[in-house]
Amino acid sequence: MKLIWLLLLCSNLMLITGCWSRIEVNDRAFVTGMYIDRIDNGSYEVSLGFPLPNRMASGQSPGMPTYGNPYTILTKTAESIPVAIRKIRSDLTREITWGHCRVIVVGKQAAEYGIDSLLEFVAREPNFHTKSYLMVAPGKARDITKLTPVFERLPAEVLREFSNRKVTLDTNVKDFLEASMSGGDMIAGMLTIGQTEMLSEKGKESTWVGTDGAALFKKGKMIGTLDVNGMRAGLWLKGKMKSSLISLKSPSDGKTMSFIILSSKASIKPFIDGEKIGFHIKIEAEDDILSSESDIDLTDPKEIIRIQELLSEQLKRRITRTLYKTQDMGADVFQFGRHLDWNYPKVWSKHKDGWHADYKMCTFIVDTNVQVKRIGVERNSIVRQHEDRAG
């Protein structure tokens, strides 16, 4: 019996032994953002963002001197993405670690050439998170790294929050990998970049980065863009639109009314009508009235119904316009083919090889239902009341 207990004790001790291949934390360089560009000679320019732990001390006193930004960007050029990363690694005193990378930005030229090489690298790197967001820069992705992070510490954190907060499309690597198995069509958020004077930087002209429309991919290559309304239509179709603002002209006097979106949900159901393929899209949303310059009587239920109908019709037009544009390009960026495969696998098997052409002939039935839940404490416009008194 004692021998048995001794063997059990020894076996447990073997389980808590250290790992000979472990890399210490202070020997790691944590990638926070990856930026991919394609240059004219056909090479890739890869930039990686790293935090600098020695400059991120949380207990630093206000009077202590600062030594520059708490992050750095390293860039190398090579004939392929892995080779460029290998060159970056050779210049580092630490081992590259991908576990903290949550953002990938692809330059416009690289996106138009195609992102298959990027997906190939990410899919084969075991430590890379497939939930990392993928965005497209209007020019070079490397330029995005120059942004001034005002509210965040690192540039990549700014970009990550754009997607987290649903300010733009939260398309990730996993979405692109899944799309590559069914044609490679996908939609991703576009960024915009510019220069402005920033009070936080003592009035110096600095680089800011914001969100714009969306990039459309067909067979893994960027073929066009959508404007901001088109990008927002993508959020509606994905049921991810919330905490956003909608403006509308009042049906009574044409004055502006603003609404805040509380929640939304979407459903997509394919249907077969003879030889035709169609999709029934149903979108529901709940709004609150945020402000009103109109003299409309918000206590009248009939007026609320009119407002709801106008909001629903406006939303329907935007979504329908976006869908028609993707059909003109023959790019199923919202993955309607996948819904067809799930519900009618035999029909999909007949159309999947020629889906890009067949997608152009699909029918869309869009039903939108926007409900105004609360009109606020103030029943009528304060602006209009003051105008009437002044008159």
Protein backbone atom coordinates (compact mmCIF):
# COMPACT_ATOMS: atom_id res chain seq x y z
CA MET A 1 0.00 0.00 0.00
CA LYS A 2 2.84 2.39 0.85
CA LEU A 3 4.44 1.61 -2.50
CA ILE A 4 1.25 2.59 -4.33
CA TRP A 5 1.05 5.92 -2.49
CA LEU A 6 4.70 6.58 -3.25
CA LEU A 7 4.16 5.97 -6.96
CA LEU A 8 1.13 8.29 -7.00
CA LEU A 9 3.13 11.00 -5.26
CA CYS A 10 5.99 10.70 -7.75
CA SER A 11 3.63 10.85 -10.72
CA ASN A 12 2.02 14.06 -9.38
CA LEU A 13 5.43 15.65 -8.91
CA MET A 14 6.25 14.96 -12.54
CA LEU A 15 3.14 16.93 -13.61
CA ILE A 16 4.28 20.14 -11.90
CA THR A 17 7.78 20.24 -13.38
CA GLY A 18 8.79 23.21 -15.52
CA CYS A 19 8.89 23.31 -19.31
CA TRP A 20 12.34 23.44 -20.85
CA SER A 21 11.08 25.35 -23.94
CA ARG A 22 9.26 28.12 -22.07
CA ILE A 23 10.07 31.74 -23.05
CA GLU A 24 10.08 34.20 -20.18
CA VAL A 25 7.77 37.23 -20.37
CA ASN A 26 10.68 39.66 -20.34
CA ASP A 27 12.08 37.86 -23.38
CA ARG A 28 8.94 38.42 -25.49
CA ALA A 29 8.01 41.24 -27.88
CA PHE A 30 4.21 41.43 -28.02
CA VAL A 31 2.75 42.39 -31.39
CA THR A 32 -0.32 44.64 -31.01
CA GLY A 33 -0.91 45.52 -34.65
CA MET A 34 0.12 44.28 -38.10
CA TYR A 35 0.22 46.55 -41.16
CA ILE A 36 0.63 45.12 -44.69
CA ASP A 37 1.57 47.07 -47.81
CA ARG A 38 2.38 46.07 -51.36
CA ILE A 39 4.99 48.20 -53.10
CA ASP A 40 5.61 48.82 -56.79
CA ASN A 41 8.40 46.25 -57.22
CA GLY A 42 6.04 43.47 -56.11
CA SER A 43 7.47 43.13 -52.60
CA TYR A 44 5.62 43.26 -49.31
CA GLU A 45 6.25 45.95 -46.72
CA VAL A 46 5.32 44.62 -43.29
CA SER A 47 5.09 46.83 -40.20
CA LEU A 48 4.57 45.48 -36.69
CA GLY A 49 3.57 47.50 -33.65
CA PHE A 50 5.08 46.70 -30.26
CA PRO A 51 4.52 48.22 -26.80
CA LEU A 52 7.65 49.29 -24.91
CA PRO A 53 7.27 47.98 -21.35
CA ASN A 54 10.12 50.14 -20.05
CA ARG A 55 8.10 53.25 -21.01
CA MET A 56 4.72 52.11 -19.71
CA ALA A 57 5.29 52.36 -15.94
CA SER A 58 1.90 52.98 -14.33
CA GLY A 59 3.40 54.48 -11.19
CA GLN A 60 5.22 57.28 -12.96
CA SER A 61 4.96 60.62 -11.14
CA PRO A 62 3.62 63.66 -13.04
CA GLY A 63 6.92 65.51 -12.69
CA MET A 64 9.07 62.71 -14.04
CA PRO A 65 10.46 63.19 -17.56
CA THR A 66 9.04 61.17 -20.44
CA TYR A 67 11.22 59.42 -22.97
CA GLY A 68 8.99 59.28 -26.04
CA ASN A 69 6.06 57.10 -27.04
CA PRO A 70 5.37 53.87 -25.13
CA TYR A 71 5.34 51.93 -28.41
CA THR A 72 7.35 51.44 -31.57
CA ILE A 73 6.74 50.36 -35.16
CA LEU A 74 9.27 48.19 -36.99
CA THR A 75 9.12 47.85 -40.77
CA LYS A 76 10.86 45.52 -43.22
CA THR A 77 10.47 44.77 -46.92
CA ALA A 78 10.78 41.34 -48.54
CA GLU A 79 9.42 39.15 -51.30
CA SER A 80 6.90 37.58 -48.89
CA ILE A 81 5.21 38.35 -45.59
CA PRO A 82 6.99 35.61 -43.56
CA VAL A 83 10.41 36.71 -44.83
CA ALA A 84 9.71 40.33 -43.89
CA ILE A 85 8.66 39.23 -40.41
CA ARG A 86 11.81 37.14 -40.13
CA LYS A 87 13.84 40.26 -40.92
CA ILE A 88 12.04 42.18 -38.17
CA ARG A 89 12.70 39.34 -35.75
CA SER A 90 16.43 39.42 -36.53
CA ASP A 91 16.58 43.06 -35.36
CA LEU A 92 14.85 42.38 -32.05
CA THR A 93 16.35 41.39 -28.72
CA ARG A 94 13.13 39.55 -27.89
CA GLU A 95 11.03 36.78 -29.40
CA ILE A 96 7.96 37.88 -31.38
CA THR A 97 4.68 36.86 -29.74
CA TRP A 98 1.37 37.09 -31.61
CA GLY A 99 -1.07 36.49 -28.76
CA HIS A 100 -1.85 40.18 -28.25
CA CYS A 101 -2.32 41.13 -31.92
CA ARG A 102 -5.93 42.18 -32.43
CA VAL A 103 -5.72 44.44 -35.50
CA ILE A 104 -4.52 43.95 -39.09
CA VAL A 105 -4.55 46.89 -41.50
CA VAL A 106 -4.07 46.23 -45.21
CA GLY A 107 -3.05 49.04 -47.55
CA LYS A 108 -5.21 49.76 -50.59
CA GLN A 109 -2.65 48.47 -53.11
CA ALA A 110 -2.12 45.27 -51.13
CA ALA A 111 -5.89 44.77 -50.81
CA GLU A 112 -6.38 45.19 -54.57
CA TYR A 113 -3.58 42.72 -55.28
CA GLY A 114 -5.21 40.19 -52.95
CA ILE A 115 -4.92 39.08 -49.33
CA ASP A 116 -4.47 35.33 -49.88
CA SER A 117 -0.79 35.52 -48.85
CA LEU A 118 -1.78 37.25 -45.61
CA LEU A 119 -4.47 34.65 -44.85
CA GLU A 120 -1.98 31.88 -45.64
CA PHE A 121 0.45 33.24 -43.03
CA VAL A 122 -2.22 33.84 -40.38
CA ALA A 123 -3.81 30.41 -40.87
CA ARG A 124 -0.45 28.65 -40.39
CA GLU A 125 0.71 30.72 -37.40
CA PRO A 126 -0.67 28.76 -34.41
CA ASN A 127 -0.49 31.69 -31.98
CA PHE A 128 -2.31 34.20 -34.17
CA HIS A 129 -5.87 35.02 -33.08
CA THR A 130 -8.35 34.55 -35.92
CA LYS A 131 -10.64 37.03 -34.13
CA SER A 132 -8.21 39.84 -35.00
CA TYR A 133 -9.99 42.63 -36.86
CA LEU A 134 -9.04 43.31 -40.47
CA MET A 135 -9.38 46.83 -41.92
CA VAL A 136 -8.31 48.56 -45.11
CA ALA A 137 -6.33 51.80 -45.31
CA PRO A 138 -7.15 54.37 -48.03
CA GLY A 139 -3.46 54.53 -48.95
CA LYS A 140 -0.53 52.84 -47.24
CA ALA A 141 -1.21 50.83 -44.12
CA ARG A 142 2.08 52.04 -42.67
CA ASP A 143 0.71 55.61 -42.60
CA ILE A 144 -1.98 54.48 -40.15
CA THR A 145 0.74 53.71 -37.59
CA LYS A 146 1.50 57.43 -37.38
CA LEU A 147 -1.83 58.22 -35.73
CA THR A 148 -1.77 60.01 -32.39
CA PRO A 149 -3.48 57.84 -29.75
CA VAL A 150 -5.17 60.45 -27.55
CA PHE A 151 -7.49 58.34 -25.37
CA GLU A 152 -5.55 55.08 -25.73
CA ARG A 153 -1.91 54.18 -25.21
CA LEU A 154 -1.25 52.37 -28.47
CA PRO A 155 -2.35 53.02 -32.09
CA ALA A 156 -3.69 49.48 -32.40
CA GLU A 157 -5.96 50.03 -29.39
CA VAL A 158 -7.63 52.95 -31.19
CA LEU A 159 -8.36 50.79 -34.23
CA ARG A 160 -9.54 47.88 -32.10
CA GLU A 161 -12.06 50.10 -30.30
CA PHE A 162 -13.52 51.25 -33.62
CA SER A 163 -14.61 47.66 -34.24
CA ASN A 164 -15.45 46.83 -30.62
CA ARG A 165 -17.83 49.75 -30.43
CA LYS A 166 -19.34 48.94 -33.85
CA VAL A 167 -18.33 52.33 -35.26
CA THR A 168 -17.25 50.35 -38.31
CA LEU A 169 -17.60 46.77 -39.49
CA ASP A 170 -16.00 44.28 -37.10
CA THR A 171 -14.84 41.91 -39.85
CA ASN A 172 -12.12 39.60 -38.57
CA VAL A 173 -9.62 37.12 -39.95
CA LYS A 174 -11.96 34.22 -39.23
CA ASP A 175 -14.62 35.79 -41.47
CA PHE A 176 -12.13 36.03 -44.35
CA LEU A 177 -10.90 32.47 -43.82
CA GLU A 178 -14.46 31.13 -43.90
CA ALA A 179 -15.27 33.24 -46.96
CA SER A 180 -12.22 31.86 -48.77
CA MET A 181 -13.87 28.43 -48.69
CA SER A 182 -16.92 29.72 -50.58
CA GLY A 183 -15.56 32.19 -53.14
CA GLY A 184 -13.57 34.69 -51.13
CA ASP A 185 -16.17 37.51 -51.10
CA MET A 186 -16.18 39.67 -47.99
CA ILE A 187 -16.67 43.21 -46.73
CA ALA A 188 -14.35 45.06 -44.34
CA GLY A 189 -14.22 48.49 -42.76
CA MET A 190 -12.32 51.33 -44.42
CA LEU A 191 -10.24 53.84 -42.49
CA THR A 192 -9.58 57.49 -43.24
CA ILE A 193 -6.53 59.54 -42.31
CA GLY A 194 -5.62 63.20 -42.12
CA GLN A 195 -3.71 65.95 -40.34
CA THR A 196 -5.12 68.35 -37.77
CA GLU A 197 -4.01 70.53 -34.88
CA MET A 198 -4.48 68.66 -31.59
CA LEU A 199 -4.84 70.41 -28.26
CA SER A 200 -3.59 67.26 -26.54
CA GLU A 201 -0.33 67.64 -28.47
CA LYS A 202 0.05 71.33 -27.47
CA GLY A 203 -1.51 72.52 -30.70
CA LYS A 204 0.90 70.67 -32.97
CA GLU A 205 -0.35 69.28 -36.26
CA SER A 206 -0.74 65.54 -35.77
CA THR A 207 -2.11 62.52 -37.58
CA TRP A 208 -5.63 61.40 -36.82
CA VAL A 209 -7.37 58.27 -38.08
CA GLY A 210 -11.10 57.68 -38.31
CA THR A 211 -13.62 55.38 -39.92
CA ASP A 212 -15.04 55.73 -43.42
CA GLY A 213 -17.00 53.40 -45.67
CA ALA A 214 -16.27 49.77 -46.52
CA ALA A 215 -14.04 47.77 -48.87
CA LEU A 216 -15.61 45.07 -51.04
CA PHE A 217 -13.64 41.90 -51.73
CA LYS A 218 -14.27 39.43 -54.52
CA LYS A 219 -12.22 36.24 -54.67
CA GLY A 220 -9.93 37.71 -52.02
CA LYS A 221 -9.24 40.93 -53.93
CA MET A 222 -10.59 44.39 -53.23
CA ILE A 223 -12.74 45.47 -56.19
CA GLY A 224 -14.57 48.53 -54.89
CA THR A 225 -15.87 50.48 -51.93
CA LEU A 226 -19.08 51.56 -50.27
CA ASP A 227 -19.74 54.96 -48.75
CA VAL A 228 -20.52 55.43 -45.05
CA ASN A 229 -24.23 54.72 -45.58
CA GLY A 230 -23.31 51.49 -47.35
CA MET A 231 -21.01 50.50 -44.52
CA ARG A 232 -23.78 51.19 -42.03
CA ALA A 233 -26.13 49.06 -44.14
CA GLY A 234 -23.64 46.24 -43.59
CA LEU A 235 -23.98 46.72 -39.83
CA TRP A 236 -27.77 46.57 -40.20
CA LEU A 237 -27.61 43.36 -42.24
CA LYS A 238 -25.39 41.78 -39.60
CA GLY A 239 -27.74 42.91 -36.80
CA LYS A 240 -24.92 44.85 -35.13
CA MET A 241 -26.18 48.40 -35.44
CA LYS A 242 -26.60 50.05 -32.04
CA SER A 243 -25.81 53.27 -30.17
CA SER A 244 -25.86 55.13 -33.47
CA LEU A 245 -27.69 58.22 -34.67
CA ILE A 246 -30.30 58.55 -37.43
CA SER A 247 -31.63 61.87 -38.67
CA LEU A 248 -34.96 62.42 -40.39
CA LYS A 249 -36.95 65.33 -41.80
CA SER A 250 -40.16 65.78 -39.84
CA PRO A 251 -43.32 64.89 -41.82
CA SER A 252 -45.05 68.00 -40.44
CA ASP A 253 -42.63 70.82 -41.30
CA GLY A 254 -39.42 69.29 -42.67
CA LYS A 255 -37.38 70.19 -39.58
CA THR A 256 -34.63 67.83 -38.39
CA MET A 257 -35.37 65.08 -35.90
CA SER A 258 -32.65 62.82 -34.50
CA PHE A 259 -33.00 59.29 -33.15
CA ILE A 260 -30.63 57.08 -31.17
CA ILE A 261 -30.63 53.37 -32.06
CA LEU A 262 -30.95 51.20 -28.97
CA SER A 263 -30.84 47.77 -30.56
CA SER A 264 -31.30 45.96 -33.85
CA LYS A 265 -31.63 42.43 -35.13
CA ALA A 266 -31.66 40.93 -38.58
CA SER A 267 -32.70 37.64 -40.15
CA ILE A 268 -31.98 36.32 -43.65
CA LYS A 269 -34.03 33.48 -45.11
CA PRO A 270 -33.53 32.18 -48.66
CA PHE A 271 -36.46 31.02 -50.77
CA ILE A 272 -36.82 29.24 -54.09
CA ASP A 273 -39.41 30.38 -56.65
CA GLY A 274 -39.18 28.03 -59.60
CA GLU A 275 -35.73 28.62 -61.06
CA LYS A 276 -35.25 31.88 -59.19
CA ILE A 277 -33.37 32.30 -55.93
CA GLY A 278 -34.44 34.96 -53.48
CA PHE A 279 -33.69 36.15 -49.98
CA HIS A 280 -36.15 37.53 -47.46
CA ILE A 281 -34.38 40.03 -45.19
CA LYS A 282 -36.13 41.21 -42.06
CA ILE A 283 -34.66 43.96 -39.91
CA GLU A 284 -36.09 45.25 -36.66
CA ALA A 285 -34.84 48.15 -34.57
CA GLU A 286 -35.75 50.17 -31.52
CA ASP A 287 -35.08 53.91 -31.39
CA ASP A 288 -35.44 56.77 -28.95
CA ILE A 289 -36.01 60.37 -29.99
CA LEU A 290 -32.80 62.20 -29.15
CA SER A 291 -33.73 65.70 -30.29
CA SER A 292 -36.35 67.48 -32.38
CA GLU A 293 -36.50 70.91 -33.99
CA SER A 294 -39.95 70.19 -35.38
CA ASP A 295 -43.33 71.38 -34.16
CA ILE A 296 -44.73 67.86 -34.58
CA ASP A 297 -46.96 66.70 -31.73
CA LEU A 298 -45.03 63.80 -30.21
CA THR A 299 -47.94 62.95 -27.90
CA ASP A 300 -50.09 61.99 -30.88
CA PRO A 301 -49.82 58.22 -31.59
CA LYS A 302 -50.66 58.82 -35.26
CA GLU A 303 -47.62 61.09 -35.65
CA ILE A 304 -45.38 58.47 -34.03
CA ILE A 305 -46.65 55.89 -36.52
CA ARG A 306 -45.84 58.28 -39.39
CA ILE A 307 -42.32 58.75 -38.04
CA GLN A 308 -41.83 54.99 -37.70
CA GLU A 309 -42.97 54.44 -41.28
CA LEU A 310 -40.56 57.10 -42.58
CA LEU A 311 -37.66 55.63 -40.59
CA SER A 312 -38.45 52.13 -41.85
CA GLU A 313 -38.68 53.30 -45.46
CA GLN A 314 -35.42 55.24 -45.22
CA LEU A 315 -33.65 52.18 -43.82
CA LYS A 316 -35.14 49.94 -46.53
CA ARG A 317 -33.88 52.24 -49.31
CA ARG A 318 -30.33 52.31 -47.91
CA ILE A 319 -30.12 48.54 -47.56
CA THR A 320 -31.65 47.87 -50.97
CA ARG A 321 -29.26 50.35 -52.62
CA THR A 322 -26.29 48.61 -50.99
CA LEU A 323 -27.45 45.15 -52.05
CA TYR A 324 -27.92 46.27 -55.66
CA LYS A 325 -24.38 47.68 -55.74
CA THR A 326 -22.92 44.36 -54.57
CA GLN A 327 -24.98 42.60 -57.26
CA ASP A 328 -23.65 44.92 -59.95
CA MET A 329 -20.13 43.89 -58.91
CA GLY A 330 -21.07 40.22 -58.65
CA ALA A 331 -19.63 40.10 -55.13
CA ASP A 332 -21.59 38.26 -52.44
CA VAL A 333 -19.89 40.17 -49.63
CA PHE A 334 -22.72 39.49 -47.17
CA GLN A 335 -22.43 35.73 -47.66
CA PHE A 336 -25.97 35.04 -48.91
CA GLY A 337 -24.63 31.91 -50.59
CA ARG A 338 -23.84 30.48 -47.18
CA HIS A 339 -27.47 30.93 -46.12
CA LEU A 340 -28.55 29.15 -49.29
CA ASP A 341 -26.16 26.30 -48.53
CA TRP A 342 -27.51 25.93 -44.99
CA ASN A 343 -31.17 25.84 -46.05
CA TYR A 344 -31.06 24.35 -49.55
CA PRO A 345 -27.82 22.36 -49.91
CA LYS A 346 -28.94 20.66 -53.12
CA VAL A 347 -29.75 23.98 -54.76
CA TRP A 348 -26.44 25.42 -53.61
CA SER A 349 -24.52 22.49 -55.08
CA LYS A 350 -26.01 23.36 -58.49
CA HIS A 351 -25.13 27.06 -58.27
CA LYS A 352 -21.93 27.27 -56.23
CA ASP A 353 -19.56 27.01 -59.21
CA GLY A 354 -21.28 29.89 -61.01
CA TRP A 355 -22.47 31.74 -57.93
CA HIS A 356 -20.87 35.09 -58.81
CA ALA A 357 -22.98 35.26 -61.96
CA ASP A 358 -26.11 33.77 -60.35
CA TYR A 359 -25.89 36.21 -57.43
CA LYS A 360 -26.57 39.07 -59.83
CA MET A 361 -29.96 37.52 -60.66
CA CYS A 362 -31.13 36.96 -57.07
CA THR A 363 -34.24 38.64 -55.72
CA PHE A 364 -34.26 40.51 -52.42
CA ILE A 365 -37.32 41.22 -50.32
CA VAL A 366 -36.41 43.68 -47.57
CA ASP A 367 -38.79 44.25 -44.65
CA THR A 368 -37.83 46.89 -42.11
CA ASN A 369 -39.62 47.72 -38.89
CA VAL A 370 -38.34 50.60 -36.77
CA GLN A 371 -40.14 51.22 -33.47
CA VAL A 372 -39.86 54.49 -31.53
CA LYS A 373 -39.97 53.40 -27.90
CA ARG A 374 -39.52 56.65 -25.99
CA ILE A 375 -40.02 60.28 -26.93
CA GLY A 376 -38.28 61.76 -23.88
CA VAL A 377 -39.49 63.98 -21.06
CA GLU A 378 -39.86 67.04 -23.30
CA ARG A 379 -42.94 66.42 -25.42
CA ASN A 380 -42.39 69.16 -27.99
CA SER A 381 -39.38 70.99 -29.41
CA ILE A 382 -37.76 73.53 -27.09
CA VAL A 383 -36.24 75.18 -30.18
CA ARG A 384 -39.67 75.73 -31.71
CA GLN A 385 -41.10 77.01 -28.43
CA HIS A 386 -38.37 79.66 -28.19
CA GLU A 387 -38.86 80.63 -31.85
CA ASP A 388 -42.61 81.07 -31.30
CA ARG A 389 -42.03 83.25 -28.23
CA ALA A 390 -39.46 85.36 -30.08
CA GLY A 391 -41.92 85.84 -32.93
